[in-house]
Amino acid sequence: MKKLKIVGIILIVIIVIYTLFVTVELIRFNNNLGVEPLIKTGVIDSYVSTDSNLSKEKMYGIGFTVEYEYFVQREENNNNQINEVISGEFKLFDKIILSAWAK
């Protein structure tokens, strides 16, 4: 019985720590445009179409994803690229939208 209690306490502590981590990431997402997760496990870049200047980027964190849509401007003179964030989504387990915004 004592081992079951210890396992339960450890499980509750892990859940609380993970909840705090996701809350911090959610606050960072809502306050900063285009911010990357503190711990990234993967990134997927995809262009919406070749004609438009829209681009999407999906970044994977631990148990959540952050997806941004950019308007890409290319300077003709010196090959620079300027990305302006248009919208963003923060999803828990890539299914539940916790926050989203658009300009």
C-alpha atoms as a PDB file:
ATOM      1  CA  MET A   1       0.000   0.000   0.000  1.00  0.00           C
ATOM      2  CA  LYS A   2       2.860   2.357   0.793  1.00  0.00           C
ATOM      3  CA  LYS A   3       4.457   1.786  -2.638  1.00  0.00           C
ATOM      4  CA  LEU A   4       1.167   2.636  -4.340  1.00  0.00           C
ATOM      5  CA  LYS A   5       0.991   5.892  -2.383  1.00  0.00           C
ATOM      6  CA  ILE A   6       4.547   6.823  -3.401  1.00  0.00           C
ATOM      7  CA  VAL A   7       3.831   6.049  -7.064  1.00  0.00           C
ATOM      8  CA  GLY A   8       0.669   8.190  -6.860  1.00  0.00           C
ATOM      9  CA  ILE A   9       2.581  11.115  -5.352  1.00  0.00           C
ATOM     10  CA  ILE A  10       5.309  10.859  -8.014  1.00  0.00           C
ATOM     11  CA  LEU A  11       2.673  10.780 -10.766  1.00  0.00           C
ATOM     12  CA  ILE A  12       0.935  13.863  -9.339  1.00  0.00           C
ATOM     13  CA  VAL A  13       4.255  15.738  -9.108  1.00  0.00           C
ATOM     14  CA  ILE A  14       5.063  14.909 -12.759  1.00  0.00           C
ATOM     15  CA  ILE A  15       1.615  16.122 -13.869  1.00  0.00           C
ATOM     16  CA  VAL A  16       2.005  19.382 -11.911  1.00  0.00           C
ATOM     17  CA  ILE A  17       5.480  20.043 -13.361  1.00  0.00           C
ATOM     18  CA  TYR A  18       4.247  19.345 -16.906  1.00  0.00           C
ATOM     19  CA  THR A  19       1.240  21.642 -16.380  1.00  0.00           C
ATOM     20  CA  LEU A  20       3.554  24.431 -15.230  1.00  0.00           C
ATOM     21  CA  PHE A  21       5.819  23.884 -18.261  1.00  0.00           C
ATOM     22  CA  VAL A  22       2.896  24.068 -20.717  1.00  0.00           C
ATOM     23  CA  THR A  23       1.538  27.159 -18.921  1.00  0.00           C
ATOM     24  CA  VAL A  24       4.897  28.939 -19.276  1.00  0.00           C
ATOM     25  CA  GLU A  25       5.046  28.025 -22.975  1.00  0.00           C
ATOM     26  CA  LEU A  26       1.476  29.257 -23.471  1.00  0.00           C
ATOM     27  CA  ILE A  27       2.279  32.599 -21.818  1.00  0.00           C
ATOM     28  CA  ARG A  28       5.401  32.952 -24.013  1.00  0.00           C
ATOM     29  CA  PHE A  29       3.321  32.162 -27.116  1.00  0.00           C
ATOM     30  CA  ASN A  30       0.669  34.764 -26.262  1.00  0.00           C
ATOM     31  CA  ASN A  31       3.146  37.536 -25.406  1.00  0.00           C
ATOM     32  CA  ASN A  32       5.779  37.197 -28.164  1.00  0.00           C
ATOM     33  CA  LEU A  33       5.088  36.968 -31.892  1.00  0.00           C
ATOM     34  CA  GLY A  34       6.921  34.069 -33.530  1.00  0.00           C
ATOM     35  CA  VAL A  35       8.607  32.737 -30.393  1.00  0.00           C
ATOM     36  CA  GLU A  36      10.030  29.207 -30.513  1.00  0.00           C
ATOM     37  CA  PRO A  37       9.382  26.646 -27.756  1.00  0.00           C
ATOM     38  CA  LEU A  38      12.056  26.316 -25.078  1.00  0.00           C
ATOM     39  CA  ILE A  39      12.530  22.629 -25.923  1.00  0.00           C
ATOM     40  CA  LYS A  40      11.943  21.747 -29.585  1.00  0.00           C
ATOM     41  CA  THR A  41      11.638  18.127 -30.672  1.00  0.00           C
ATOM     42  CA  GLY A  42      11.072  18.857 -34.362  1.00  0.00           C
ATOM     43  CA  VAL A  43      10.242  21.472 -37.009  1.00  0.00           C
ATOM     44  CA  ILE A  44       8.232  21.218 -40.219  1.00  0.00           C
ATOM     45  CA  ASP A  45       8.458  24.036 -42.774  1.00  0.00           C
ATOM     46  CA  SER A  46       5.963  24.138 -45.603  1.00  0.00           C
ATOM     47  CA  TYR A  47       5.168  26.740 -48.206  1.00  0.00           C
ATOM     48  CA  VAL A  48       1.479  27.256 -48.875  1.00  0.00           C
ATOM     49  CA  SER A  49       1.989  27.887 -52.587  1.00  0.00           C
ATOM     50  CA  THR A  50       4.749  28.944 -54.911  1.00  0.00           C
ATOM     51  CA  ASP A  51       2.766  31.934 -56.200  1.00  0.00           C
ATOM     52  CA  SER A  52       1.956  33.485 -52.848  1.00  0.00           C
ATOM     53  CA  ASN A  53       4.349  34.752 -50.238  1.00  0.00           C
ATOM     54  CA  LEU A  54       2.784  32.695 -47.441  1.00  0.00           C
ATOM     55  CA  SER A  55       4.723  30.143 -45.445  1.00  0.00           C
ATOM     56  CA  LYS A  56       3.814  27.891 -42.509  1.00  0.00           C
ATOM     57  CA  GLU A  57       6.076  26.562 -39.807  1.00  0.00           C
ATOM     58  CA  LYS A  58       5.076  23.897 -37.294  1.00  0.00           C
ATOM     59  CA  MET A  59       7.306  23.344 -34.266  1.00  0.00           C
ATOM     60  CA  TYR A  60       6.929  20.394 -31.940  1.00  0.00           C
ATOM     61  CA  GLY A  61       7.514  20.709 -28.228  1.00  0.00           C
ATOM     62  CA  ILE A  62       7.048  18.147 -25.468  1.00  0.00           C
ATOM     63  CA  GLY A  63       3.358  17.278 -25.793  1.00  0.00           C
ATOM     64  CA  PHE A  64       2.349  20.369 -27.764  1.00  0.00           C
ATOM     65  CA  THR A  65       2.779  22.043 -31.149  1.00  0.00           C
ATOM     66  CA  VAL A  66       3.150  25.675 -32.149  1.00  0.00           C
ATOM     67  CA  GLU A  67       2.202  26.611 -35.701  1.00  0.00           C
ATOM     68  CA  TYR A  68       2.909  29.984 -37.304  1.00  0.00           C
ATOM     69  CA  GLU A  69       1.890  31.406 -40.657  1.00  0.00           C
ATOM     70  CA  TYR A  70       4.280  33.959 -42.160  1.00  0.00           C
ATOM     71  CA  PHE A  71       4.129  36.520 -44.920  1.00  0.00           C
ATOM     72  CA  VAL A  72       7.531  36.285 -46.606  1.00  0.00           C
ATOM     73  CA  GLN A  73       9.059  39.347 -48.277  1.00  0.00           C
ATOM     74  CA  ARG A  74      12.182  38.923 -50.339  1.00  0.00           C
ATOM     75  CA  GLU A  75      14.422  41.874 -51.109  1.00  0.00           C
ATOM     76  CA  GLU A  76      15.600  41.812 -54.703  1.00  0.00           C
ATOM     77  CA  ASN A  77      18.890  43.644 -54.181  1.00  0.00           C
ATOM     78  CA  ASN A  78      20.629  41.592 -51.509  1.00  0.00           C
ATOM     79  CA  ASN A  79      18.734  38.254 -51.207  1.00  0.00           C
ATOM     80  CA  ASN A  80      17.417  38.998 -47.708  1.00  0.00           C
ATOM     81  CA  GLN A  81      14.184  37.489 -46.491  1.00  0.00           C
ATOM     82  CA  ILE A  82      11.820  39.201 -44.032  1.00  0.00           C
ATOM     83  CA  ASN A  83       9.184  37.081 -42.286  1.00  0.00           C
ATOM     84  CA  GLU A  84       6.129  38.787 -40.796  1.00  0.00           C
ATOM     85  CA  VAL A  85       3.991  36.621 -38.504  1.00  0.00           C
ATOM     86  CA  ILE A  86       0.331  36.591 -39.586  1.00  0.00           C
ATOM     87  CA  SER A  87      -1.215  33.974 -37.295  1.00  0.00           C
ATOM     88  CA  GLY A  88      -0.350  31.347 -34.702  1.00  0.00           C
ATOM     89  CA  GLU A  89      -1.857  28.298 -32.998  1.00  0.00           C
ATOM     90  CA  PHE A  90      -0.851  26.532 -29.797  1.00  0.00           C
ATOM     91  CA  LYS A  91      -2.167  22.958 -29.632  1.00  0.00           C
ATOM     92  CA  LEU A  92      -1.885  20.452 -26.821  1.00  0.00           C
ATOM     93  CA  PHE A  93      -0.991  16.979 -28.169  1.00  0.00           C
ATOM     94  CA  ASP A  94      -1.481  18.439 -31.694  1.00  0.00           C
ATOM     95  CA  LYS A  95      -5.262  18.158 -31.222  1.00  0.00           C
ATOM     96  CA  ILE A  96      -6.630  20.567 -28.579  1.00  0.00           C
ATOM     97  CA  ILE A  97      -6.267  24.264 -29.400  1.00  0.00           C
ATOM     98  CA  LEU A  98      -5.303  26.130 -26.234  1.00  0.00           C
ATOM     99  CA  SER A  99      -4.631  29.472 -27.898  1.00  0.00           C
ATOM    100  CA  ALA A 100      -4.735  31.037 -31.334  1.00  0.00           C
ATOM    101  CA  TRP A 101      -4.377  34.543 -32.723  1.00  0.00           C
ATOM    102  CA  ALA A 102      -4.316  36.329 -36.050  1.00  0.00           C
ATOM    103  CA  LYS A 103      -3.345  39.826 -37.143  1.00  0.00           C
END
